[in-house]
Amino acid sequence: LDMHGRAAVLYGNALDAFGVEKQRLNSSIESIRNGNFFKA
């Protein structure tokens, strides 16, 4: 829609969200490897 500024900001927000999500995934993988999954 040629609203490139708005698009750039939202892409930045998406990158932040993906970063948080990736950190969660890494934490989850590490926690599962440590056996915490079955304790829960």
PDB file of all heavy atoms in Angstrom:
ATOM      1  N   LEU A   1       0.828  -1.210   0.000  1.00  0.00           N
ATOM      2  CA  LEU A   1       0.000   0.000   0.000  1.00  0.00           C
ATOM      3  C   LEU A   1       0.862   1.259   0.000  1.00  0.00           C
ATOM      4  O   LEU A   1       0.361   2.360   0.245  1.00  0.00           O
ATOM      5  CB  LEU A   1      -0.915  -0.010   1.235  1.00  0.00           C
ATOM      6  CG  LEU A   1      -2.005  -1.092   1.261  1.00  0.00           C
ATOM      7  CD1 LEU A   1      -2.705  -1.117   2.619  1.00  0.00           C
ATOM      8  CD2 LEU A   1      -3.020  -0.860   0.148  1.00  0.00           C
ATOM      9  N   ASP A   2       2.185   1.063  -0.263  1.00  0.00           N
ATOM     10  CA  ASP A   2       3.163   2.163  -0.309  1.00  0.00           C
ATOM     11  C   ASP A   2       3.293   2.877   1.024  1.00  0.00           C
ATOM     12  O   ASP A   2       3.680   4.051   1.087  1.00  0.00           O
ATOM     13  CB  ASP A   2       2.782   3.175  -1.407  1.00  0.00           C
ATOM     14  CG  ASP A   2       2.911   2.566  -2.795  1.00  0.00           C
ATOM     15  OD1 ASP A   2       3.752   1.648  -2.960  1.00  0.00           O
ATOM     16  OD2 ASP A   2       2.156   2.970  -3.692  1.00  0.00           O
ATOM     17  N   MET A   3       2.989   2.168   2.120  1.00  0.00           N
ATOM     18  CA  MET A   3       3.216   2.718   3.463  1.00  0.00           C
ATOM     19  C   MET A   3       4.480   2.063   4.010  1.00  0.00           C
ATOM     20  O   MET A   3       4.466   1.272   4.950  1.00  0.00           O
ATOM     21  CB  MET A   3       2.003   2.436   4.352  1.00  0.00           C
ATOM     22  CG  MET A   3       0.723   3.051   3.824  1.00  0.00           C
ATOM     23  SD  MET A   3      -0.743   2.591   4.769  1.00  0.00           S
ATOM     24  CE  MET A   3      -0.389   3.402   6.321  1.00  0.00           C
ATOM     25  N   HIS A   4       5.604   2.419   3.387  1.00  0.00           N
ATOM     26  CA  HIS A   4       6.863   1.736   3.668  1.00  0.00           C
ATOM     27  C   HIS A   4       7.384   2.029   5.060  1.00  0.00           C
ATOM     28  O   HIS A   4       8.017   1.162   5.685  1.00  0.00           O
ATOM     29  CB  HIS A   4       7.905   2.140   2.625  1.00  0.00           C
ATOM     30  CG  HIS A   4       7.488   1.800   1.224  1.00  0.00           C
ATOM     31  ND1 HIS A   4       7.368   0.502   0.770  1.00  0.00           N
ATOM     32  CD2 HIS A   4       7.135   2.610   0.172  1.00  0.00           C
ATOM     33  CE1 HIS A   4       6.974   0.502  -0.495  1.00  0.00           C
ATOM     34  NE2 HIS A   4       6.824   1.786  -0.885  1.00  0.00           N
ATOM     35  N   GLY A   5       7.164   3.190   5.557  1.00  0.00           N
ATOM     36  CA  GLY A   5       7.605   3.506   6.909  1.00  0.00           C
ATOM     37  C   GLY A   5       6.898   2.638   7.940  1.00  0.00           C
ATOM     38  O   GLY A   5       7.521   2.070   8.849  1.00  0.00           O
ATOM     39  N   ARG A   6       5.586   2.549   7.794  1.00  0.00           N
ATOM     40  CA  ARG A   6       4.814   1.686   8.685  1.00  0.00           C
ATOM     41  C   ARG A   6       5.255   0.238   8.533  1.00  0.00           C
ATOM     42  O   ARG A   6       5.391  -0.494   9.517  1.00  0.00           O
ATOM     43  CB  ARG A   6       3.321   1.816   8.343  1.00  0.00           C
ATOM     44  CG  ARG A   6       2.379   0.924   9.120  1.00  0.00           C
ATOM     45  CD  ARG A   6       2.321   1.298  10.565  1.00  0.00           C
ATOM     46  NE  ARG A   6       1.301   0.544  11.283  1.00  0.00           N
ATOM     47  CZ  ARG A   6       1.227   0.459  12.586  1.00  0.00           C
ATOM     48  NH1 ARG A   6       2.127   1.090  13.342  1.00  0.00           N
ATOM     49  NH2 ARG A   6       0.266  -0.227  13.155  1.00  0.00           N
ATOM     50  N   ALA A   7       5.508  -0.192   7.316  1.00  0.00           N
ATOM     51  CA  ALA A   7       5.955  -1.562   7.064  1.00  0.00           C
ATOM     52  C   ALA A   7       7.304  -1.816   7.722  1.00  0.00           C
ATOM     53  O   ALA A   7       7.520  -2.863   8.347  1.00  0.00           O
ATOM     54  CB  ALA A   7       6.031  -1.824   5.567  1.00  0.00           C
ATOM     55  N   ALA A   8       8.226  -0.830   7.620  1.00  0.00           N
ATOM     56  CA  ALA A   8       9.548  -1.010   8.218  1.00  0.00           C
ATOM     57  C   ALA A   8       9.453  -1.154   9.727  1.00  0.00           C
ATOM     58  O   ALA A   8      10.128  -1.997  10.342  1.00  0.00           O
ATOM     59  CB  ALA A   8      10.442   0.173   7.855  1.00  0.00           C
ATOM     60  N   VAL A   9       8.622  -0.326  10.350  1.00  0.00           N
ATOM     61  CA  VAL A   9       8.448  -0.418  11.803  1.00  0.00           C
ATOM     62  C   VAL A   9       7.894  -1.778  12.194  1.00  0.00           C
ATOM     63  O   VAL A   9       8.357  -2.417  13.155  1.00  0.00           O
ATOM     64  CB  VAL A   9       7.529   0.710  12.302  1.00  0.00           C
ATOM     65  CG1 VAL A   9       7.178   0.505  13.770  1.00  0.00           C
ATOM     66  CG2 VAL A   9       8.187   2.063  12.102  1.00  0.00           C
ATOM     67  N   LEU A  10       6.897  -2.275  11.452  1.00  0.00           N
ATOM     68  CA  LEU A  10       6.291  -3.567  11.771  1.00  0.00           C
ATOM     69  C   LEU A  10       7.254  -4.727  11.512  1.00  0.00           C
ATOM     70  O   LEU A  10       7.238  -5.723  12.242  1.00  0.00           O
ATOM     71  CB  LEU A  10       5.003  -3.761  10.977  1.00  0.00           C
ATOM     72  CG  LEU A  10       3.845  -2.853  11.396  1.00  0.00           C
ATOM     73  CD1 LEU A  10       2.663  -3.030  10.461  1.00  0.00           C
ATOM     74  CD2 LEU A  10       3.420  -3.156  12.826  1.00  0.00           C
ATOM     75  N   TYR A  11       8.084  -4.593  10.496  1.00  0.00           N
ATOM     76  CA  TYR A  11       9.113  -5.610  10.288  1.00  0.00           C
ATOM     77  C   TYR A  11      10.082  -5.628  11.464  1.00  0.00           C
ATOM     78  O   TYR A  11      10.542  -6.699  11.907  1.00  0.00           O
ATOM     79  CB  TYR A  11       9.874  -5.347   8.993  1.00  0.00           C
ATOM     80  CG  TYR A  11       9.179  -5.891   7.754  1.00  0.00           C
ATOM     81  CD1 TYR A  11       8.919  -5.065   6.652  1.00  0.00           C
ATOM     82  CD2 TYR A  11       8.806  -7.225   7.669  1.00  0.00           C
ATOM     83  CE1 TYR A  11       8.291  -5.547   5.510  1.00  0.00           C
ATOM     84  CE2 TYR A  11       8.175  -7.725   6.530  1.00  0.00           C
ATOM     85  CZ  TYR A  11       7.921  -6.883   5.459  1.00  0.00           C
ATOM     86  OH  TYR A  11       7.299  -7.364   4.340  1.00  0.00           O
ATOM     87  N   GLY A  12      10.399  -4.446  11.974  1.00  0.00           N
ATOM     88  CA  GLY A  12      11.260  -4.380  13.151  1.00  0.00           C
ATOM     89  C   GLY A  12      10.603  -5.031  14.358  1.00  0.00           C
ATOM     90  O   GLY A  12      11.258  -5.761  15.122  1.00  0.00           O
ATOM     91  N   ASN A  13       9.295  -4.769  14.528  1.00  0.00           N
ATOM     92  CA  ASN A  13       8.571  -5.428  15.625  1.00  0.00           C
ATOM     93  C   ASN A  13       8.557  -6.947  15.448  1.00  0.00           C
ATOM     94  O   ASN A  13       8.661  -7.700  16.424  1.00  0.00           O
ATOM     95  CB  ASN A  13       7.137  -4.911  15.692  1.00  0.00           C
ATOM     96  CG  ASN A  13       7.066  -3.451  16.081  1.00  0.00           C
ATOM     97  OD1 ASN A  13       8.021  -2.903  16.650  1.00  0.00           O
ATOM     98  ND2 ASN A  13       5.952  -2.796  15.765  1.00  0.00           N
ATOM     99  N   ALA A  14       8.417  -7.373  14.195  1.00  0.00           N
ATOM    100  CA  ALA A  14       8.439  -8.815  13.927  1.00  0.00           C
ATOM    101  C   ALA A  14       9.793  -9.414  14.288  1.00  0.00           C
ATOM    102  O   ALA A  14       9.870 -10.502  14.876  1.00  0.00           O
ATOM    103  CB  ALA A  14       8.106  -9.084  12.465  1.00  0.00           C
ATOM    104  N   LEU A  15      10.865  -8.691  13.952  1.00  0.00           N
ATOM    105  CA  LEU A  15      12.197  -9.182  14.310  1.00  0.00           C
ATOM    106  C   LEU A  15      12.347  -9.300  15.819  1.00  0.00           C
ATOM    107  O   LEU A  15      12.932 -10.274  16.326  1.00  0.00           O
ATOM    108  CB  LEU A  15      13.266  -8.244  13.748  1.00  0.00           C
ATOM    109  CG  LEU A  15      13.599  -8.420  12.261  1.00  0.00           C
ATOM    110  CD1 LEU A  15      14.518  -7.308  11.781  1.00  0.00           C
ATOM    111  CD2 LEU A  15      14.249  -9.785  12.026  1.00  0.00           C
ATOM    112  N   ASP A  16      11.839  -8.310  16.545  1.00  0.00           N
ATOM    113  CA  ASP A  16      11.897  -8.387  18.009  1.00  0.00           C
ATOM    114  C   ASP A  16      11.114  -9.593  18.516  1.00  0.00           C
ATOM    115  O   ASP A  16      11.570 -10.318  19.418  1.00  0.00           O
ATOM    116  CB  ASP A  16      11.333  -7.101  18.624  1.00  0.00           C
ATOM    117  CG  ASP A  16      12.193  -5.892  18.316  1.00  0.00           C
ATOM    118  OD1 ASP A  16      13.386  -6.085  18.003  1.00  0.00           O
ATOM    119  OD2 ASP A  16      11.671  -4.762  18.376  1.00  0.00           O
ATOM    120  N   ALA A  17       9.912  -9.787  17.969  1.00  0.00           N
ATOM    121  CA  ALA A  17       9.094 -10.930  18.385  1.00  0.00           C
ATOM    122  C   ALA A  17       9.777 -12.252  18.049  1.00  0.00           C
ATOM    123  O   ALA A  17       9.773 -13.197  18.851  1.00  0.00           O
ATOM    124  CB  ALA A  17       7.719 -10.863  17.726  1.00  0.00           C
ATOM    125  N   PHE A  18      10.379 -12.323  16.852  1.00  0.00           N
ATOM    126  CA  PHE A  18      11.091 -13.540  16.467  1.00  0.00           C
ATOM    127  C   PHE A  18      12.290 -13.776  17.381  1.00  0.00           C
ATOM    128  O   PHE A  18      12.615 -14.922  17.717  1.00  0.00           O
ATOM    129  CB  PHE A  18      11.543 -13.457  15.016  1.00  0.00           C
ATOM    130  CG  PHE A  18      10.405 -13.482  14.029  1.00  0.00           C
ATOM    131  CD1 PHE A  18      10.503 -12.803  12.816  1.00  0.00           C
ATOM    132  CD2 PHE A  18       9.244 -14.178  14.295  1.00  0.00           C
ATOM    133  CE1 PHE A  18       9.459 -12.816  11.903  1.00  0.00           C
ATOM    134  CE2 PHE A  18       8.194 -14.202  13.386  1.00  0.00           C
ATOM    135  CZ  PHE A  18       8.304 -13.515  12.192  1.00  0.00           C
ATOM    136  N   GLY A  19      12.959 -12.706  17.778  1.00  0.00           N
ATOM    137  CA  GLY A  19      14.092 -12.850  18.690  1.00  0.00           C
ATOM    138  C   GLY A  19      13.659 -13.408  20.035  1.00  0.00           C
ATOM    139  O   GLY A  19      14.309 -14.309  20.594  1.00  0.00           O
ATOM    140  N   VAL A  20      12.565 -12.872  20.567  1.00  0.00           N
ATOM    141  CA  VAL A  20      12.042 -13.385  21.830  1.00  0.00           C
ATOM    142  C   VAL A  20      11.617 -14.844  21.677  1.00  0.00           C
ATOM    143  O   VAL A  20      11.888 -15.684  22.545  1.00  0.00           O
ATOM    144  CB  VAL A  20      10.849 -12.522  22.300  1.00  0.00           C
ATOM    145  CG1 VAL A  20      10.176 -13.159  23.500  1.00  0.00           C
ATOM    146  CG2 VAL A  20      11.312 -11.113  22.621  1.00  0.00           C
ATOM    147  N   GLU A  21      10.980 -15.139  20.564  1.00  0.00           N
ATOM    148  CA  GLU A  21      10.516 -16.507  20.317  1.00  0.00           C
ATOM    149  C   GLU A  21      11.696 -17.467  20.196  1.00  0.00           C
ATOM    150  O   GLU A  21      11.656 -18.588  20.724  1.00  0.00           O
ATOM    151  CB  GLU A  21       9.670 -16.548  19.050  1.00  0.00           C
ATOM    152  CG  GLU A  21       9.030 -17.893  18.744  1.00  0.00           C
ATOM    153  CD  GLU A  21       7.963 -18.275  19.749  1.00  0.00           C
ATOM    154  OE1 GLU A  21       7.543 -17.407  20.547  1.00  0.00           O
ATOM    155  OE2 GLU A  21       7.574 -19.449  19.757  1.00  0.00           O
ATOM    156  N   LYS A  22      12.738 -17.030  19.524  1.00  0.00           N
ATOM    157  CA  LYS A  22      13.911 -17.886  19.367  1.00  0.00           C
ATOM    158  C   LYS A  22      14.581 -18.137  20.717  1.00  0.00           C
ATOM    159  O   LYS A  22      15.039 -19.253  21.005  1.00  0.00           O
ATOM    160  CB  LYS A  22      14.895 -17.239  18.397  1.00  0.00           C
ATOM    161  CG  LYS A  22      16.068 -18.142  18.014  1.00  0.00           C
ATOM    162  CD  LYS A  22      16.909 -17.504  16.935  1.00  0.00           C
ATOM    163  CE  LYS A  22      18.081 -18.404  16.550  1.00  0.00           C
ATOM    164  NZ  LYS A  22      18.905 -17.797  15.480  1.00  0.00           N
ATOM    165  N   GLN A  23      14.621 -17.096  21.542  1.00  0.00           N
ATOM    166  CA  GLN A  23      15.182 -17.262  22.878  1.00  0.00           C
ATOM    167  C   GLN A  23      14.351 -18.251  23.691  1.00  0.00           C
ATOM    168  O   GLN A  23      14.888 -19.085  24.424  1.00  0.00           O
ATOM    169  CB  GLN A  23      15.237 -15.905  23.582  1.00  0.00           C
ATOM    170  CG  GLN A  23      15.935 -15.954  24.941  1.00  0.00           C
ATOM    171  CD  GLN A  23      16.038 -14.578  25.568  1.00  0.00           C
ATOM    172  OE1 GLN A  23      15.637 -13.580  24.981  1.00  0.00           O
ATOM    173  NE2 GLN A  23      16.587 -14.532  26.783  1.00  0.00           N
ATOM    174  N   ARG A  24      13.036 -18.156  23.551  1.00  0.00           N
ATOM    175  CA  ARG A  24      12.159 -19.117  24.234  1.00  0.00           C
ATOM    176  C   ARG A  24      12.419 -20.540  23.747  1.00  0.00           C
ATOM    177  O   ARG A  24      12.450 -21.485  24.543  1.00  0.00           O
ATOM    178  CB  ARG A  24      10.703 -18.759  23.979  1.00  0.00           C
ATOM    179  CG  ARG A  24      10.126 -17.731  24.933  1.00  0.00           C
ATOM    180  CD  ARG A  24       8.630 -17.668  24.758  1.00  0.00           C
ATOM    181  NE  ARG A  24       7.984 -16.891  25.791  1.00  0.00           N
ATOM    182  CZ  ARG A  24       6.677 -16.823  25.970  1.00  0.00           C
ATOM    183  NH1 ARG A  24       5.877 -17.501  25.167  1.00  0.00           N
ATOM    184  NH2 ARG A  24       6.158 -16.095  26.940  1.00  0.00           N
ATOM    185  N   LEU A  25      12.557 -20.675  22.440  1.00  0.00           N
ATOM    186  CA  LEU A  25      12.804 -22.004  21.883  1.00  0.00           C
ATOM    187  C   LEU A  25      14.106 -22.580  22.417  1.00  0.00           C
ATOM    188  O   LEU A  25      14.162 -23.758  22.792  1.00  0.00           O
ATOM    189  CB  LEU A  25      12.840 -21.926  20.352  1.00  0.00           C
ATOM    190  CG  LEU A  25      11.487 -21.743  19.662  1.00  0.00           C
ATOM    191  CD1 LEU A  25      11.682 -21.337  18.213  1.00  0.00           C
ATOM    192  CD2 LEU A  25      10.666 -23.029  19.737  1.00  0.00           C
ATOM    193  N   ASN A  26      15.151 -21.769  22.456  1.00  0.00           N
ATOM    194  CA  ASN A  26      16.431 -22.247  22.981  1.00  0.00           C
ATOM    195  C   ASN A  26      16.310 -22.642  24.454  1.00  0.00           C
ATOM    196  O   ASN A  26      16.852 -23.661  24.888  1.00  0.00           O
ATOM    197  CB  ASN A  26      17.502 -21.163  22.813  1.00  0.00           C
ATOM    198  CG  ASN A  26      17.893 -20.963  21.360  1.00  0.00           C
ATOM    199  OD1 ASN A  26      17.851 -21.904  20.558  1.00  0.00           O
ATOM    200  ND2 ASN A  26      18.263 -19.749  20.996  1.00  0.00           N
ATOM    201  N   SER A  27      15.576 -21.817  25.220  1.00  0.00           N
ATOM    202  CA  SER A  27      15.378 -22.130  26.644  1.00  0.00           C
ATOM    203  C   SER A  27      14.587 -23.424  26.799  1.00  0.00           C
ATOM    204  O   SER A  27      14.885 -24.253  27.670  1.00  0.00           O
ATOM    205  CB  SER A  27      14.648 -20.984  27.342  1.00  0.00           C
ATOM    206  OG  SER A  27      15.388 -19.783  27.267  1.00  0.00           O
ATOM    207  N   SER A  28      13.573 -23.601  25.954  1.00  0.00           N
ATOM    208  CA  SER A  28      12.760 -24.814  26.029  1.00  0.00           C
ATOM    209  C   SER A  28      13.576 -26.045  25.675  1.00  0.00           C
ATOM    210  O   SER A  28      13.489 -27.078  26.356  1.00  0.00           O
ATOM    211  CB  SER A  28      11.555 -24.697  25.101  1.00  0.00           C
ATOM    212  OG  SER A  28      10.688 -23.671  25.522  1.00  0.00           O
ATOM    213  N   ILE A  29      14.365 -25.957  24.630  1.00  0.00           N
ATOM    214  CA  ILE A  29      15.196 -27.091  24.222  1.00  0.00           C
ATOM    215  C   ILE A  29      16.173 -27.453  25.338  1.00  0.00           C
ATOM    216  O   ILE A  29      16.344 -28.633  25.685  1.00  0.00           O
ATOM    217  CB  ILE A  29      15.947 -26.768  22.917  1.00  0.00           C
ATOM    218  CG1 ILE A  29      14.951 -26.657  21.750  1.00  0.00           C
ATOM    219  CG2 ILE A  29      16.996 -27.822  22.618  1.00  0.00           C
ATOM    220  CD1 ILE A  29      15.570 -26.160  20.457  1.00  0.00           C
ATOM    221  N   GLU A  30      16.800 -26.452  25.930  1.00  0.00           N
ATOM    222  CA  GLU A  30      17.751 -26.705  27.003  1.00  0.00           C
ATOM    223  C   GLU A  30      17.059 -27.298  28.228  1.00  0.00           C
ATOM    224  O   GLU A  30      17.570 -28.230  28.866  1.00  0.00           O
ATOM    225  CB  GLU A  30      18.451 -25.395  27.382  1.00  0.00           C
ATOM    226  CG  GLU A  30      19.558 -25.552  28.410  1.00  0.00           C
ATOM    227  CD  GLU A  30      20.724 -26.395  27.907  1.00  0.00           C
ATOM    228  OE1 GLU A  30      20.913 -26.446  26.667  1.00  0.00           O
ATOM    229  OE2 GLU A  30      21.421 -26.997  28.739  1.00  0.00           O
ATOM    230  N   SER A  31      15.887 -26.772  28.545  1.00  0.00           N
ATOM    231  CA  SER A  31      15.151 -27.271  29.708  1.00  0.00           C
ATOM    232  C   SER A  31      14.707 -28.712  29.499  1.00  0.00           C
ATOM    233  O   SER A  31      14.764 -29.526  30.429  1.00  0.00           O
ATOM    234  CB  SER A  31      13.939 -26.370  29.971  1.00  0.00           C
ATOM    235  OG  SER A  31      13.216 -26.820  31.093  1.00  0.00           O
ATOM    236  N   ILE A  32      14.259 -29.034  28.292  1.00  0.00           N
ATOM    237  CA  ILE A  32      13.849 -30.413  28.000  1.00  0.00           C
ATOM    238  C   ILE A  32      15.039 -31.352  28.091  1.00  0.00           C
ATOM    239  O   ILE A  32      14.942 -32.463  28.632  1.00  0.00           O
ATOM    240  CB  ILE A  32      13.181 -30.481  26.613  1.00  0.00           C
ATOM    241  CG1 ILE A  32      11.836 -29.743  26.640  1.00  0.00           C
ATOM    242  CG2 ILE A  32      12.970 -31.927  26.181  1.00  0.00           C
ATOM    243  CD1 ILE A  32      11.179 -29.608  25.288  1.00  0.00           C
ATOM    244  N   ARG A  33      16.183 -30.918  27.598  1.00  0.00           N
ATOM    245  CA  ARG A  33      17.384 -31.756  27.676  1.00  0.00           C
ATOM    246  C   ARG A  33      17.813 -32.000  29.115  1.00  0.00           C
ATOM    247  O   ARG A  33      18.389 -33.045  29.435  1.00  0.00           O
ATOM    248  CB  ARG A  33      18.519 -31.090  26.898  1.00  0.00           C
ATOM    249  CG  ARG A  33      18.380 -31.246  25.387  1.00  0.00           C
ATOM    250  CD  ARG A  33      19.444 -30.467  24.660  1.00  0.00           C
ATOM    251  NE  ARG A  33      19.410 -30.745  23.216  1.00  0.00           N
ATOM    252  CZ  ARG A  33      20.026 -30.010  22.292  1.00  0.00           C
ATOM    253  NH1 ARG A  33      20.722 -28.929  22.679  1.00  0.00           N
ATOM    254  NH2 ARG A  33      19.947 -30.325  21.024  1.00  0.00           N
ATOM    255  N   ASN A  34      17.510 -31.053  29.992  1.00  0.00           N
ATOM    256  CA  ASN A  34      17.874 -31.200  31.409  1.00  0.00           C
ATOM    257  C   ASN A  34      16.863 -32.030  32.194  1.00  0.00           C
ATOM    258  O   ASN A  34      17.007 -32.214  33.406  1.00  0.00           O
ATOM    259  CB  ASN A  34      18.008 -29.822  32.059  1.00  0.00           C
ATOM    260  CG  ASN A  34      19.194 -29.045  31.509  1.00  0.00           C
ATOM    261  OD1 ASN A  34      20.161 -29.638  31.022  1.00  0.00           O
ATOM    262  ND2 ASN A  34      19.132 -27.728  31.574  1.00  0.00           N
ATOM    263  N   GLY A  35      15.802 -32.517  31.530  1.00  0.00           N
ATOM    264  CA  GLY A  35      14.828 -33.375  32.182  1.00  0.00           C
ATOM    265  C   GLY A  35      13.711 -32.658  32.903  1.00  0.00           C
ATOM    266  O   GLY A  35      12.905 -33.292  33.601  1.00  0.00           O
ATOM    267  N   ASN A  36      13.619 -31.344  32.759  1.00  0.00           N
ATOM    268  CA  ASN A  36      12.576 -30.602  33.463  1.00  0.00           C
ATOM    269  C   ASN A  36      11.188 -30.859  32.885  1.00  0.00           C
ATOM    270  O   ASN A  36      10.181 -30.674  33.571  1.00  0.00           O
ATOM    271  CB  ASN A  36      12.873 -29.098  33.419  1.00  0.00           C
ATOM    272  CG  ASN A  36      14.142 -28.759  34.167  1.00  0.00           C
ATOM    273  OD1 ASN A  36      14.484 -29.414  35.144  1.00  0.00           O
ATOM    274  ND2 ASN A  36      14.865 -27.746  33.702  1.00  0.00           N
ATOM    275  N   PHE A  37      11.143 -31.267  31.614  1.00  0.00           N
ATOM    276  CA  PHE A  37       9.851 -31.508  30.977  1.00  0.00           C
ATOM    277  C   PHE A  37       9.077 -32.606  31.705  1.00  0.00           C
ATOM    278  O   PHE A  37       7.889 -32.470  32.000  1.00  0.00           O
ATOM    279  CB  PHE A  37      10.073 -31.877  29.509  1.00  0.00           C
ATOM    280  CG  PHE A  37       8.813 -32.234  28.778  1.00  0.00           C
ATOM    281  CD1 PHE A  37       7.926 -31.264  28.371  1.00  0.00           C
ATOM    282  CD2 PHE A  37       8.509 -33.558  28.497  1.00  0.00           C
ATOM    283  CE1 PHE A  37       6.761 -31.588  27.695  1.00  0.00           C
ATOM    284  CE2 PHE A  37       7.357 -33.895  27.818  1.00  0.00           C
ATOM    285  CZ  PHE A  37       6.485 -32.904  27.415  1.00  0.00           C
ATOM    286  N   PHE A  38       9.775 -33.703  32.035  1.00  0.00           N
ATOM    287  CA  PHE A  38       9.090 -34.822  32.672  1.00  0.00           C
ATOM    288  C   PHE A  38       8.776 -34.537  34.136  1.00  0.00           C
ATOM    289  O   PHE A  38       7.817 -35.076  34.678  1.00  0.00           O
ATOM    290  CB  PHE A  38       9.932 -36.087  32.534  1.00  0.00           C
ATOM    291  CG  PHE A  38      10.141 -36.495  31.107  1.00  0.00           C
ATOM    292  CD1 PHE A  38      11.379 -36.410  30.514  1.00  0.00           C
ATOM    293  CD2 PHE A  38       9.076 -36.931  30.349  1.00  0.00           C
ATOM    294  CE1 PHE A  38      11.565 -36.771  29.195  1.00  0.00           C
ATOM    295  CE2 PHE A  38       9.242 -37.297  29.026  1.00  0.00           C
ATOM    296  CZ  PHE A  38      10.497 -37.214  28.448  1.00  0.00           C
ATOM    297  N   LYS A  39       9.577 -33.678  34.762  1.00  0.00           N
ATOM    298  CA  LYS A  39       9.243 -33.283  36.129  1.00  0.00           C
ATOM    299  C   LYS A  39       7.922 -32.525  36.156  1.00  0.00           C
ATOM    300  O   LYS A  39       7.132 -32.667  37.088  1.00  0.00           O
ATOM    301  CB  LYS A  39      10.355 -32.408  36.709  1.00  0.00           C
ATOM    302  CG  LYS A  39      11.665 -33.155  36.933  1.00  0.00           C
ATOM    303  CD  LYS A  39      12.735 -32.230  37.487  1.00  0.00           C
ATOM    304  CE  LYS A  39      14.051 -32.967  37.669  1.00  0.00           C
ATOM    305  NZ  LYS A  39      15.125 -32.064  38.161  1.00  0.00           N
ATOM    306  N   ALA A  40       7.686 -31.728  35.115  1.00  0.00           N
ATOM    307  CA  ALA A  40       6.415 -30.995  35.032  1.00  0.00           C
ATOM    308  C   ALA A  40       5.261 -31.933  34.704  1.00  0.00           C
ATOM    309  O   ALA A  40       4.139 -31.742  35.169  1.00  0.00           O
ATOM    310  CB  ALA A  40       6.509 -29.893  33.979  1.00  0.00           C
TER     311      ALA A  40
END
